[in-house]
C-alpha atoms as a PDB file:
ATOM      1  CA  MET A   1       1.665 -62.854 -12.089  1.00  0.00           C
ATOM      2  CA  SER A   2       5.012 -62.302 -10.523  1.00  0.00           C
ATOM      3  CA  ASN A   3       7.810 -60.743 -12.534  1.00  0.00           C
ATOM      4  CA  ASN A   4      10.302 -63.053 -10.860  1.00  0.00           C
ATOM      5  CA  LYS A   5      12.370 -65.032 -13.346  1.00  0.00           C
ATOM      6  CA  ASN A   6      13.460 -67.678 -10.842  1.00  0.00           C
ATOM      7  CA  ILE A   7      10.310 -68.496  -8.907  1.00  0.00           C
ATOM      8  CA  ALA A   8      11.561 -71.991  -7.963  1.00  0.00           C
ATOM      9  CA  GLU A   9      14.357 -70.504  -5.815  1.00  0.00           C
ATOM     10  CA  ASP A  10      11.909 -68.258  -3.977  1.00  0.00           C
ATOM     11  CA  GLY A  11       9.649 -71.246  -3.382  1.00  0.00           C
ATOM     12  CA  ARG A  12      12.472 -73.186  -1.734  1.00  0.00           C
ATOM     13  CA  ALA A  13      13.275 -70.195   0.490  1.00  0.00           C
ATOM     14  CA  THR A  14       9.714 -70.015   1.860  1.00  0.00           C
ATOM     15  CA  ARG A  15       9.007 -73.728   2.435  1.00  0.00           C
ATOM     16  CA  PHE A  16       8.236 -74.951   5.920  1.00  0.00           C
ATOM     17  CA  SER A  17      11.085 -76.923   7.434  1.00  0.00           C
ATOM     18  CA  SER A  18      12.320 -77.860  10.901  1.00  0.00           C
ATOM     19  CA  THR A  19      13.744 -74.343  11.292  1.00  0.00           C
ATOM     20  CA  ASN A  20      11.004 -72.414   9.453  1.00  0.00           C
ATOM     21  CA  GLN A  21       7.673 -73.093  11.170  1.00  0.00           C
ATOM     22  CA  PRO A  22       4.506 -70.975  11.471  1.00  0.00           C
ATOM     23  CA  ALA A  23       3.919 -69.181  14.773  1.00  0.00           C
ATOM     24  CA  ASN A  24       0.550 -70.805  15.496  1.00  0.00           C
ATOM     25  CA  ARG A  25       0.002 -74.501  14.915  1.00  0.00           C
ATOM     26  CA  GLY A  26      -3.199 -75.861  13.408  1.00  0.00           C
ATOM     27  CA  ARG A  27      -6.574 -74.294  12.830  1.00  0.00           C
ATOM     28  CA  LYS A  28      -8.343 -71.703  14.914  1.00  0.00           C
ATOM     29  CA  LYS A  29     -10.856 -73.079  17.388  1.00  0.00           C
ATOM     30  CA  SER A  30     -14.489 -72.781  16.410  1.00  0.00           C
ATOM     31  CA  LEU A  31     -16.770 -70.273  18.091  1.00  0.00           C
ATOM     32  CA  TYR A  32     -18.569 -73.096  19.895  1.00  0.00           C
ATOM     33  CA  LYS A  33     -15.364 -74.537  21.376  1.00  0.00           C
ATOM     34  CA  ARG A  34     -14.103 -71.122  22.533  1.00  0.00           C
ATOM     35  CA  LEU A  35     -17.475 -70.350  24.087  1.00  0.00           C
ATOM     36  CA  LYS A  36     -17.578 -73.762  25.766  1.00  0.00           C
ATOM     37  CA  GLU A  37     -14.148 -73.145  27.351  1.00  0.00           C
ATOM     38  CA  LEU A  38     -15.182 -69.693  28.609  1.00  0.00           C
ATOM     39  CA  VAL A  39     -18.410 -71.009  30.109  1.00  0.00           C
ATOM     40  CA  LYS A  40     -16.604 -73.871  31.832  1.00  0.00           C
ATOM     41  CA  LYS A  41     -13.802 -71.630  33.107  1.00  0.00           C
ATOM     42  CA  ASN A  42     -16.144 -68.958  34.502  1.00  0.00           C
ATOM     43  CA  ASP A  43     -18.749 -71.432  35.802  1.00  0.00           C
ATOM     44  CA  VAL A  44     -21.636 -69.786  33.940  1.00  0.00           C
ATOM     45  CA  GLN A  45     -24.834 -71.372  32.664  1.00  0.00           C
ATOM     46  CA  LEU A  46     -25.934 -70.637  29.100  1.00  0.00           C
ATOM     47  CA  THR A  47     -29.305 -71.530  27.687  1.00  0.00           C
ATOM     48  CA  LYS A  48     -29.813 -72.628  24.114  1.00  0.00           C
ATOM     49  CA  GLU A  49     -31.368 -69.217  23.367  1.00  0.00           C
ATOM     50  CA  ASP A  50     -28.288 -67.428  24.738  1.00  0.00           C
ATOM     51  CA  PHE A  51     -26.012 -69.489  22.519  1.00  0.00           C
ATOM     52  CA  CYS A  52     -28.186 -68.820  19.458  1.00  0.00           C
ATOM     53  CA  LYS A  53     -28.106 -65.065  20.150  1.00  0.00           C
ATOM     54  CA  ILE A  54     -24.305 -65.108  20.331  1.00  0.00           C
ATOM     55  CA  GLU A  55     -23.975 -67.306  17.240  1.00  0.00           C
ATOM     56  CA  CYS A  56     -26.249 -65.106  15.110  1.00  0.00           C
ATOM     57  CA  VAL A  57     -24.413 -61.851  15.868  1.00  0.00           C
END
């Protein structure tokens, strides 16, 4: 545990507010969605076997 006597004050200092926001919003995209965007952007065809090989690595 923390040796801090006044943990409530530290908690208020680190809360998210309108001025204190995380750099990246939301969750990371899944592997499938990132792969789908790359395939669409580069106009490449992937077979089901190709996708399974990438997913299993």
